[in-house]
Amino acid sequence: MPSVQERKRGQSVLHDAVNCYDMDIVNAVLSSRSLDVNLKTYDGLTALDMAISRRWNEGERVLVLAGGRTSHIDSVHSDSTSNESDMDWSVAFMRL
């Protein structure tokens, strides 16, 4: 998938849409499947990380359903060999 990022912060149009709480753009990007939902900024943040930090529940839900992951989950997966590490904790969190 393309990784169209702006140069200064490494944010994609999906990150920008989350920053602006713009569900129309989030849905358009996700439905086009033209961008990796887990693309990270230069600071290592995914769009889901940003939605969580902004407490944008609607955005969090849509991103998780589209396969969005937090950067924390990715680092846990790379450090663990347990089968339990395959569980996406962001999905478990959304079920609470």
PDB file of N, CA and C in Angstrom:
ATOM      1  N   MET A   1       0.836  -1.182   0.000  1.00  0.00           N
ATOM      2  CA  MET A   1       0.000   0.000   0.000  1.00  0.00           C
ATOM      3  C   MET A   1       0.877   1.240   0.000  1.00  0.00           C
ATOM      4  N   PRO A   2       0.410   2.286  -0.617  1.00  0.00           N
ATOM      5  CA  PRO A   2       1.189   3.517  -0.627  1.00  0.00           C
ATOM      6  C   PRO A   2       1.345   4.086   0.777  1.00  0.00           C
ATOM      7  N   SER A   3       2.399   4.794   0.976  1.00  0.00           N
ATOM      8  CA  SER A   3       2.622   5.428   2.278  1.00  0.00           C
ATOM      9  C   SER A   3       2.836   6.920   2.075  1.00  0.00           C
ATOM     10  N   VAL A   4       1.806   7.575   1.589  1.00  0.00           N
ATOM     11  CA  VAL A   4       1.882   8.994   1.303  1.00  0.00           C
ATOM     12  C   VAL A   4       1.878   9.758   2.625  1.00  0.00           C
ATOM     13  N   GLN A   5       3.045  10.292   2.976  1.00  0.00           N
ATOM     14  CA  GLN A   5       3.191  11.025   4.228  1.00  0.00           C
ATOM     15  C   GLN A   5       3.753  12.403   3.932  1.00  0.00           C
ATOM     16  N   GLU A   6       3.309  13.378   4.713  1.00  0.00           N
ATOM     17  CA  GLU A   6       3.917  14.692   4.574  1.00  0.00           C
ATOM     18  C   GLU A   6       5.286  14.662   5.243  1.00  0.00           C
ATOM     19  N   ARG A   7       6.141  15.553   4.867  1.00  0.00           N
ATOM     20  CA  ARG A   7       7.547  15.462   5.257  1.00  0.00           C
ATOM     21  C   ARG A   7       7.866  15.904   6.686  1.00  0.00           C
ATOM     22  N   LYS A   8       7.191  16.884   7.191  1.00  0.00           N
ATOM     23  CA  LYS A   8       7.566  17.451   8.488  1.00  0.00           C
ATOM     24  C   LYS A   8       7.296  16.502   9.668  1.00  0.00           C
ATOM     25  N   ARG A   9       6.099  15.917   9.704  1.00  0.00           N
ATOM     26  CA  ARG A   9       5.725  15.045  10.835  1.00  0.00           C
ATOM     27  C   ARG A   9       5.499  13.604  10.422  1.00  0.00           C
ATOM     28  N   GLY A  10       5.464  13.356   9.130  1.00  0.00           N
ATOM     29  CA  GLY A  10       5.226  12.002   8.654  1.00  0.00           C
ATOM     30  C   GLY A  10       3.785  11.561   8.787  1.00  0.00           C
ATOM     31  N   GLN A  11       2.861  12.505   8.812  1.00  0.00           N
ATOM     32  CA  GLN A  11       1.454  12.157   8.949  1.00  0.00           C
ATOM     33  C   GLN A  11       0.828  11.922   7.578  1.00  0.00           C
ATOM     34  N   SER A  12      -0.073  10.957   7.544  1.00  0.00           N
ATOM     35  CA  SER A  12      -0.844  10.672   6.332  1.00  0.00           C
ATOM     36  C   SER A  12      -2.160  11.446   6.393  1.00  0.00           C
ATOM     37  N   VAL A  13      -2.926  11.369   5.321  1.00  0.00           N
ATOM     38  CA  VAL A  13      -4.244  11.998   5.312  1.00  0.00           C
ATOM     39  C   VAL A  13      -5.139  11.373   6.385  1.00  0.00           C
ATOM     40  N   LEU A  14      -4.934  10.100   6.697  1.00  0.00           N
ATOM     41  CA  LEU A  14      -5.701   9.454   7.757  1.00  0.00           C
ATOM     42  C   LEU A  14      -5.368  10.060   9.120  1.00  0.00           C
ATOM     43  N   HIS A  15      -4.089  10.278   9.389  1.00  0.00           N
ATOM     44  CA  HIS A  15      -3.693  10.936  10.646  1.00  0.00           C
ATOM     45  C   HIS A  15      -4.312  12.333  10.723  1.00  0.00           C
ATOM     46  N   ASP A  16      -4.259  13.066   9.612  1.00  0.00           N
ATOM     47  CA  ASP A  16      -4.830  14.421   9.595  1.00  0.00           C
ATOM     48  C   ASP A  16      -6.333  14.397   9.852  1.00  0.00           C
ATOM     49  N   ALA A  17      -7.024  13.423   9.262  1.00  0.00           N
ATOM     50  CA  ALA A  17      -8.467  13.306   9.468  1.00  0.00           C
ATOM     51  C   ALA A  17      -8.783  13.026  10.935  1.00  0.00           C
ATOM     52  N   VAL A  18      -7.990  12.180  11.565  1.00  0.00           N
ATOM     53  CA  VAL A  18      -8.184  11.894  12.990  1.00  0.00           C
ATOM     54  C   VAL A  18      -7.921  13.157  13.812  1.00  0.00           C
ATOM     55  N   ASN A  19      -6.882  13.881  13.474  1.00  0.00           N
ATOM     56  CA  ASN A  19      -6.583  15.132  14.181  1.00  0.00           C
ATOM     57  C   ASN A  19      -7.736  16.117  14.128  1.00  0.00           C
ATOM     58  N   CYS A  20      -8.489  16.083  13.021  1.00  0.00           N
ATOM     59  CA  CYS A  20      -9.609  17.020  12.818  1.00  0.00           C
ATOM     60  C   CYS A  20     -10.959  16.406  13.178  1.00  0.00           C
ATOM     61  N   TYR A  21     -10.953  15.181  13.719  1.00  0.00           N
ATOM     62  CA  TYR A  21     -12.196  14.476  14.054  1.00  0.00           C
ATOM     63  C   TYR A  21     -13.122  14.413  12.834  1.00  0.00           C
ATOM     64  N   ASP A  22     -12.559  14.170  11.664  1.00  0.00           N
ATOM     65  CA  ASP A  22     -13.325  14.182  10.414  1.00  0.00           C
ATOM     66  C   ASP A  22     -13.652  12.752   9.980  1.00  0.00           C
ATOM     67  N   MET A  23     -14.825  12.279  10.413  1.00  0.00           N
ATOM     68  CA  MET A  23     -15.221  10.908  10.129  1.00  0.00           C
ATOM     69  C   MET A  23     -15.454  10.688   8.642  1.00  0.00           C
ATOM     70  N   ASP A  24     -15.894  11.689   7.913  1.00  0.00           N
ATOM     71  CA  ASP A  24     -16.111  11.534   6.471  1.00  0.00           C
ATOM     72  C   ASP A  24     -14.806  11.183   5.763  1.00  0.00           C
ATOM     73  N   ILE A  25     -13.729  11.872   6.101  1.00  0.00           N
ATOM     74  CA  ILE A  25     -12.428  11.603   5.478  1.00  0.00           C
ATOM     75  C   ILE A  25     -11.886  10.260   5.954  1.00  0.00           C
ATOM     76  N   VAL A  26     -12.029   9.970   7.246  1.00  0.00           N
ATOM     77  CA  VAL A  26     -11.576   8.669   7.770  1.00  0.00           C
ATOM     78  C   VAL A  26     -12.256   7.543   6.992  1.00  0.00           C
ATOM     79  N   ASN A  27     -13.569   7.619   6.846  1.00  0.00           N
ATOM     80  CA  ASN A  27     -14.306   6.580   6.123  1.00  0.00           C
ATOM     81  C   ASN A  27     -13.894   6.508   4.655  1.00  0.00           C
ATOM     82  N   ALA A  28     -13.679   7.657   4.032  1.00  0.00           N
ATOM     83  CA  ALA A  28     -13.273   7.670   2.624  1.00  0.00           C
ATOM     84  C   ALA A  28     -11.917   6.998   2.435  1.00  0.00           C
ATOM     85  N   VAL A  29     -10.978   7.313   3.315  1.00  0.00           N
ATOM     86  CA  VAL A  29      -9.636   6.715   3.220  1.00  0.00           C
ATOM     87  C   VAL A  29      -9.713   5.211   3.464  1.00  0.00           C
ATOM     88  N   LEU A  30     -10.445   4.814   4.491  1.00  0.00           N
ATOM     89  CA  LEU A  30     -10.541   3.390   4.816  1.00  0.00           C
ATOM     90  C   LEU A  30     -11.272   2.607   3.731  1.00  0.00           C
ATOM     91  N   SER A  31     -12.294   3.194   3.149  1.00  0.00           N
ATOM     92  CA  SER A  31     -13.046   2.469   2.111  1.00  0.00           C
ATOM     93  C   SER A  31     -12.264   2.371   0.810  1.00  0.00           C
ATOM     94  N   SER A  32     -11.367   3.309   0.570  1.00  0.00           N
ATOM     95  CA  SER A  32     -10.575   3.259  -0.664  1.00  0.00           C
ATOM     96  C   SER A  32      -9.461   2.220  -0.576  1.00  0.00           C
ATOM     97  N   ARG A  33      -9.107   1.846   0.634  1.00  0.00           N
ATOM     98  CA  ARG A  33      -8.023   0.879   0.873  1.00  0.00           C
ATOM     99  C   ARG A  33      -6.723   1.309   0.178  1.00  0.00           C
ATOM    100  N   SER A  34      -6.554   2.621   0.025  1.00  0.00           N
ATOM    101  CA  SER A  34      -5.372   3.128  -0.659  1.00  0.00           C
ATOM    102  C   SER A  34      -4.228   3.467   0.293  1.00  0.00           C
ATOM    103  N   LEU A  35      -4.464   3.309   1.581  1.00  0.00           N
ATOM    104  CA  LEU A  35      -3.462   3.691   2.568  1.00  0.00           C
ATOM    105  C   LEU A  35      -3.432   2.650   3.684  1.00  0.00           C
ATOM    106  N   ASP A  36      -2.249   2.331   4.162  1.00  0.00           N
ATOM    107  CA  ASP A  36      -2.095   1.392   5.273  1.00  0.00           C
ATOM    108  C   ASP A  36      -2.674   2.026   6.539  1.00  0.00           C
ATOM    109  N   VAL A  37      -3.695   1.393   7.115  1.00  0.00           N
ATOM    110  CA  VAL A  37      -4.350   1.916   8.311  1.00  0.00           C
ATOM    111  C   VAL A  37      -3.384   1.999   9.492  1.00  0.00           C
ATOM    112  N   ASN A  38      -2.303   1.225   9.459  1.00  0.00           N
ATOM    113  CA  ASN A  38      -1.335   1.201  10.556  1.00  0.00           C
ATOM    114  C   ASN A  38      -0.046   1.960  10.252  1.00  0.00           C
ATOM    115  N   LEU A  39      -0.079   2.812   9.252  1.00  0.00           N
ATOM    116  CA  LEU A  39       1.070   3.647   8.931  1.00  0.00           C
ATOM    117  C   LEU A  39       1.411   4.516  10.144  1.00  0.00           C
ATOM    118  N   LYS A  40       2.690   4.617  10.450  1.00  0.00           N
ATOM    119  CA  LYS A  40       3.119   5.392  11.619  1.00  0.00           C
ATOM    120  C   LYS A  40       3.725   6.723  11.206  1.00  0.00           C
ATOM    121  N   THR A  41       3.508   7.727  12.068  1.00  0.00           N
ATOM    122  CA  THR A  41       4.156   9.017  11.883  1.00  0.00           C
ATOM    123  C   THR A  41       5.642   8.863  12.214  1.00  0.00           C
ATOM    124  N   TYR A  42       6.403   9.918  12.010  1.00  0.00           N
ATOM    125  CA  TYR A  42       7.820   9.862  12.368  1.00  0.00           C
ATOM    126  C   TYR A  42       8.015   9.667  13.869  1.00  0.00           C
ATOM    127  N   ASP A  43       6.983  10.011  14.664  1.00  0.00           N
ATOM    128  CA  ASP A  43       7.029   9.791  16.108  1.00  0.00           C
ATOM    129  C   ASP A  43       6.563   8.390  16.496  1.00  0.00           C
ATOM    130  N   GLY A  44       6.196   7.568  15.505  1.00  0.00           N
ATOM    131  CA  GLY A  44       5.794   6.194  15.769  1.00  0.00           C
ATOM    132  C   GLY A  44       4.332   6.012  16.121  1.00  0.00           C
ATOM    133  N   LEU A  45       3.481   6.985  15.813  1.00  0.00           N
ATOM    134  CA  LEU A  45       2.066   6.904  16.165  1.00  0.00           C
ATOM    135  C   LEU A  45       1.219   6.460  14.983  1.00  0.00           C
ATOM    136  N   THR A  46       0.298   5.542  15.235  1.00  0.00           N
ATOM    137  CA  THR A  46      -0.682   5.166  14.229  1.00  0.00           C
ATOM    138  C   THR A  46      -1.884   6.100  14.369  1.00  0.00           C
ATOM    139  N   ALA A  47      -2.790   6.037  13.392  1.00  0.00           N
ATOM    140  CA  ALA A  47      -4.016   6.833  13.482  1.00  0.00           C
ATOM    141  C   ALA A  47      -4.822   6.416  14.709  1.00  0.00           C
ATOM    142  N   LEU A  48      -4.804   5.128  15.040  1.00  0.00           N
ATOM    143  CA  LEU A  48      -5.517   4.663  16.229  1.00  0.00           C
ATOM    144  C   LEU A  48      -4.897   5.239  17.496  1.00  0.00           C
ATOM    145  N   ASP A  49      -3.577   5.311  17.557  1.00  0.00           N
ATOM    146  CA  ASP A  49      -2.928   5.955  18.712  1.00  0.00           C
ATOM    147  C   ASP A  49      -3.445   7.381  18.885  1.00  0.00           C
ATOM    148  N   MET A  50      -3.555   8.082  17.769  1.00  0.00           N
ATOM    149  CA  MET A  50      -3.993   9.480  17.827  1.00  0.00           C
ATOM    150  C   MET A  50      -5.454   9.587  18.254  1.00  0.00           C
ATOM    151  N   ALA A  51      -6.310   8.705  17.736  1.00  0.00           N
ATOM    152  CA  ALA A  51      -7.722   8.725  18.124  1.00  0.00           C
ATOM    153  C   ALA A  51      -7.874   8.434  19.617  1.00  0.00           C
ATOM    154  N   ILE A  52      -7.096   7.486  20.114  1.00  0.00           N
ATOM    155  CA  ILE A  52      -7.143   7.159  21.545  1.00  0.00           C
ATOM    156  C   ILE A  52      -6.676   8.344  22.381  1.00  0.00           C
ATOM    157  N   SER A  53      -5.589   8.983  21.968  1.00  0.00           N
ATOM    158  CA  SER A  53      -5.074  10.115  22.753  1.00  0.00           C
ATOM    159  C   SER A  53      -6.050  11.291  22.755  1.00  0.00           C
ATOM    160  N   ARG A  54      -6.880  11.380  21.729  1.00  0.00           N
ATOM    161  CA  ARG A  54      -7.882  12.451  21.644  1.00  0.00           C
ATOM    162  C   ARG A  54      -9.232  12.022  22.231  1.00  0.00           C
ATOM    163  N   ARG A  55      -9.295  10.766  22.699  1.00  0.00           N
ATOM    164  CA  ARG A  55     -10.521  10.204  23.277  1.00  0.00           C
ATOM    165  C   ARG A  55     -11.697  10.306  22.310  1.00  0.00           C
ATOM    166  N   TRP A  56     -11.389  10.039  21.036  1.00  0.00           N
ATOM    167  CA  TRP A  56     -12.408  10.063  19.986  1.00  0.00           C
ATOM    168  C   TRP A  56     -12.929   8.643  19.793  1.00  0.00           C
ATOM    169  N   ASN A  57     -13.927   8.276  20.586  1.00  0.00           N
ATOM    170  CA  ASN A  57     -14.440   6.910  20.614  1.00  0.00           C
ATOM    171  C   ASN A  57     -14.937   6.428  19.262  1.00  0.00           C
ATOM    172  N   GLU A  58     -15.647   7.268  18.543  1.00  0.00           N
ATOM    173  CA  GLU A  58     -16.163   6.871  17.229  1.00  0.00           C
ATOM    174  C   GLU A  58     -15.015   6.558  16.270  1.00  0.00           C
ATOM    175  N   GLY A  59     -13.989   7.395  16.283  1.00  0.00           N
ATOM    176  CA  GLY A  59     -12.823   7.152  15.439  1.00  0.00           C
ATOM    177  C   GLY A  59     -12.085   5.891  15.844  1.00  0.00           C
ATOM    178  N   GLU A  60     -11.945   5.667  17.136  1.00  0.00           N
ATOM    179  CA  GLU A  60     -11.287   4.454  17.632  1.00  0.00           C
ATOM    180  C   GLU A  60     -12.000   3.215  17.117  1.00  0.00           C
ATOM    181  N   ARG A  61     -13.313   3.204  17.255  1.00  0.00           N
ATOM    182  CA  ARG A  61     -14.108   2.046  16.845  1.00  0.00           C
ATOM    183  C   ARG A  61     -13.936   1.759  15.359  1.00  0.00           C
ATOM    184  N   VAL A  62     -14.042   2.761  14.528  1.00  0.00           N
ATOM    185  CA  VAL A  62     -13.933   2.582  13.078  1.00  0.00           C
ATOM    186  C   VAL A  62     -12.537   2.096  12.700  1.00  0.00           C
ATOM    187  N   LEU A  63     -11.514   2.657  13.316  1.00  0.00           N
ATOM    188  CA  LEU A  63     -10.140   2.260  13.002  1.00  0.00           C
ATOM    189  C   LEU A  63      -9.859   0.818  13.437  1.00  0.00           C
ATOM    190  N   VAL A  64     -10.355   0.426  14.607  1.00  0.00           N
ATOM    191  CA  VAL A  64     -10.157  -0.954  15.069  1.00  0.00           C
ATOM    192  C   VAL A  64     -10.865  -1.925  14.128  1.00  0.00           C
ATOM    193  N   LEU A  65     -12.085  -1.599  13.728  1.00  0.00           N
ATOM    194  CA  LEU A  65     -12.827  -2.465  12.823  1.00  0.00           C
ATOM    195  C   LEU A  65     -12.145  -2.576  11.460  1.00  0.00           C
ATOM    196  N   ALA A  66     -11.372  -1.565  11.086  1.00  0.00           N
ATOM    197  CA  ALA A  66     -10.644  -1.579   9.815  1.00  0.00           C
ATOM    198  C   ALA A  66      -9.269  -2.238   9.947  1.00  0.00           C
ATOM    199  N   GLY A  67      -8.958  -2.763  11.132  1.00  0.00           N
ATOM    200  CA  GLY A  67      -7.672  -3.421  11.340  1.00  0.00           C
ATOM    201  C   GLY A  67      -6.617  -2.549  11.982  1.00  0.00           C
ATOM    202  N   GLY A  68      -7.025  -1.389  12.471  1.00  0.00           N
ATOM    203  CA  GLY A  68      -6.087  -0.477  13.113  1.00  0.00           C
ATOM    204  C   GLY A  68      -5.502  -1.059  14.382  1.00  0.00           C
ATOM    205  N   ARG A  69      -4.246  -0.771  14.583  1.00  0.00           N
ATOM    206  CA  ARG A  69      -3.520  -1.244  15.766  1.00  0.00           C
ATOM    207  C   ARG A  69      -2.780  -0.068  16.378  1.00  0.00           C
ATOM    208  N   THR A  70      -2.503  -0.186  17.647  1.00  0.00           N
ATOM    209  CA  THR A  70      -1.707   0.847  18.301  1.00  0.00           C
ATOM    210  C   THR A  70      -0.230   0.497  18.150  1.00  0.00           C
ATOM    211  N   SER A  71       0.611   1.493  18.223  1.00  0.00           N
ATOM    212  CA  SER A  71       2.045   1.229  18.129  1.00  0.00           C
ATOM    213  C   SER A  71       2.512   0.426  19.335  1.00  0.00           C
ATOM    214  N   HIS A  72       1.842   0.573  20.466  1.00  0.00           N
ATOM    215  CA  HIS A  72       2.177  -0.204  21.665  1.00  0.00           C
ATOM    216  C   HIS A  72       1.943  -1.689  21.418  1.00  0.00           C
ATOM    217  N   ILE A  73       0.852  -2.034  20.774  1.00  0.00           N
ATOM    218  CA  ILE A  73       0.545  -3.434  20.479  1.00  0.00           C
ATOM    219  C   ILE A  73       1.633  -4.025  19.597  1.00  0.00           C
ATOM    220  N   ASP A  74       2.068  -3.271  18.594  1.00  0.00           N
ATOM    221  CA  ASP A  74       3.104  -3.765  17.696  1.00  0.00           C
ATOM    222  C   ASP A  74       4.396  -4.050  18.450  1.00  0.00           C
ATOM    223  N   SER A  75       4.754  -3.186  19.399  1.00  0.00           N
ATOM    224  CA  SER A  75       5.999  -3.408  20.134  1.00  0.00           C
ATOM    225  C   SER A  75       5.869  -4.592  21.080  1.00  0.00           C
ATOM    226  N   VAL A  76       4.682  -4.800  21.647  1.00  0.00           N
ATOM    227  CA  VAL A  76       4.458  -5.965  22.505  1.00  0.00           C
ATOM    228  C   VAL A  76       4.580  -7.226  21.671  1.00  0.00           C
ATOM    229  N   HIS A  77       4.012  -7.240  20.478  1.00  0.00           N
ATOM    230  CA  HIS A  77       4.066  -8.420  19.614  1.00  0.00           C
ATOM    231  C   HIS A  77       5.489  -8.745  19.212  1.00  0.00           C
ATOM    232  N   SER A  78       6.280  -7.759  18.952  1.00  0.00           N
ATOM    233  CA  SER A  78       7.643  -8.038  18.504  1.00  0.00           C
ATOM    234  C   SER A  78       8.532  -8.542  19.641  1.00  0.00           C
ATOM    235  N   ASP A  79       8.134  -8.290  20.899  1.00  0.00           N
ATOM    236  CA  ASP A  79       8.939  -8.712  22.041  1.00  0.00           C
ATOM    237  C   ASP A  79       8.472 -10.021  22.655  1.00  0.00           C
ATOM    238  N   SER A  80       7.365 -10.569  22.191  1.00  0.00           N
ATOM    239  CA  SER A  80       6.779 -11.732  22.849  1.00  0.00           C
ATOM    240  C   SER A  80       6.757 -12.935  21.912  1.00  0.00           C
ATOM    241  N   THR A  81       6.865 -14.112  22.520  1.00  0.00           N
ATOM    242  CA  THR A  81       6.770 -15.343  21.732  1.00  0.00           C
ATOM    243  C   THR A  81       5.522 -16.133  22.084  1.00  0.00           C
ATOM    244  N   SER A  82       4.734 -15.655  23.015  1.00  0.00           N
ATOM    245  CA  SER A  82       3.531 -16.347  23.445  1.00  0.00           C
ATOM    246  C   SER A  82       2.431 -16.229  22.403  1.00  0.00           C
ATOM    247  N   ASN A  83       1.607 -17.273  22.273  1.00  0.00           N
ATOM    248  CA  ASN A  83       0.451 -17.216  21.391  1.00  0.00           C
ATOM    249  C   ASN A  83      -0.548 -16.185  21.856  1.00  0.00           C
ATOM    250  N   GLU A  84      -0.593 -15.934  23.167  1.00  0.00           N
ATOM    251  CA  GLU A  84      -1.509 -14.926  23.693  1.00  0.00           C
ATOM    252  C   GLU A  84      -1.155 -13.540  23.186  1.00  0.00           C
ATOM    253  N   SER A  85       0.081 -13.330  22.765  1.00  0.00           N
ATOM    254  CA  SER A  85       0.468 -12.004  22.287  1.00  0.00           C
ATOM    255  C   SER A  85      -0.201 -11.666  20.975  1.00  0.00           C
ATOM    256  N   ASP A  86      -0.814 -12.666  20.302  1.00  0.00           N
ATOM    257  CA  ASP A  86      -1.495 -12.413  19.046  1.00  0.00           C
ATOM    258  C   ASP A  86      -2.812 -11.681  19.237  1.00  0.00           C
ATOM    259  N   MET A  87      -3.306 -11.635  20.461  1.00  0.00           N
ATOM    260  CA  MET A  87      -4.555 -10.923  20.715  1.00  0.00           C
ATOM    261  C   MET A  87      -4.314  -9.430  20.567  1.00  0.00           C
ATOM    262  N   ASP A  88      -5.190  -8.784  19.847  1.00  0.00           N
ATOM    263  CA  ASP A  88      -5.077  -7.340  19.675  1.00  0.00           C
ATOM    264  C   ASP A  88      -5.745  -6.669  20.877  1.00  0.00           C
ATOM    265  N   TRP A  89      -4.940  -6.146  21.763  1.00  0.00           N
ATOM    266  CA  TRP A  89      -5.452  -5.563  23.005  1.00  0.00           C
ATOM    267  C   TRP A  89      -6.331  -4.357  22.744  1.00  0.00           C
ATOM    268  N   SER A  90      -6.142  -3.694  21.612  1.00  0.00           N
ATOM    269  CA  SER A  90      -7.031  -2.556  21.311  1.00  0.00           C
ATOM    270  C   SER A  90      -8.459  -3.043  21.116  1.00  0.00           C
ATOM    271  N   VAL A  91      -8.638  -4.226  20.518  1.00  0.00           N
ATOM    272  CA  VAL A  91      -9.983  -4.776  20.354  1.00  0.00           C
ATOM    273  C   VAL A  91     -10.554  -5.141  21.705  1.00  0.00           C
ATOM    274  N   ALA A  92      -9.761  -5.769  22.562  1.00  0.00           N
ATOM    275  CA  ALA A  92     -10.212  -6.123  23.901  1.00  0.00           C
ATOM    276  C   ALA A  92     -10.594  -4.871  24.674  1.00  0.00           C
ATOM    277  N   PHE A  93      -9.830  -3.819  24.538  1.00  0.00           N
ATOM    278  CA  PHE A  93     -10.113  -2.557  25.215  1.00  0.00           C
ATOM    279  C   PHE A  93     -11.449  -1.990  24.747  1.00  0.00           C
ATOM    280  N   MET A  94     -11.720  -2.068  23.452  1.00  0.00           N
ATOM    281  CA  MET A  94     -12.961  -1.501  22.904  1.00  0.00           C
ATOM    282  C   MET A  94     -14.189  -2.270  23.383  1.00  0.00           C
ATOM    283  N   ARG A  95     -14.009  -3.524  23.779  1.00  0.00           N
ATOM    284  CA  ARG A  95     -15.149  -4.334  24.233  1.00  0.00           C
ATOM    285  C   ARG A  95     -15.546  -4.007  25.658  1.00  0.00           C
ATOM    286  N   LEU A  96     -14.692  -3.330  26.420  1.00  0.00           N
ATOM    287  CA  LEU A  96     -14.999  -3.018  27.822  1.00  0.00           C
ATOM    288  C   LEU A  96     -16.069  -1.987  27.952  1.00  0.00           C
TER     289      LEU A  96
END
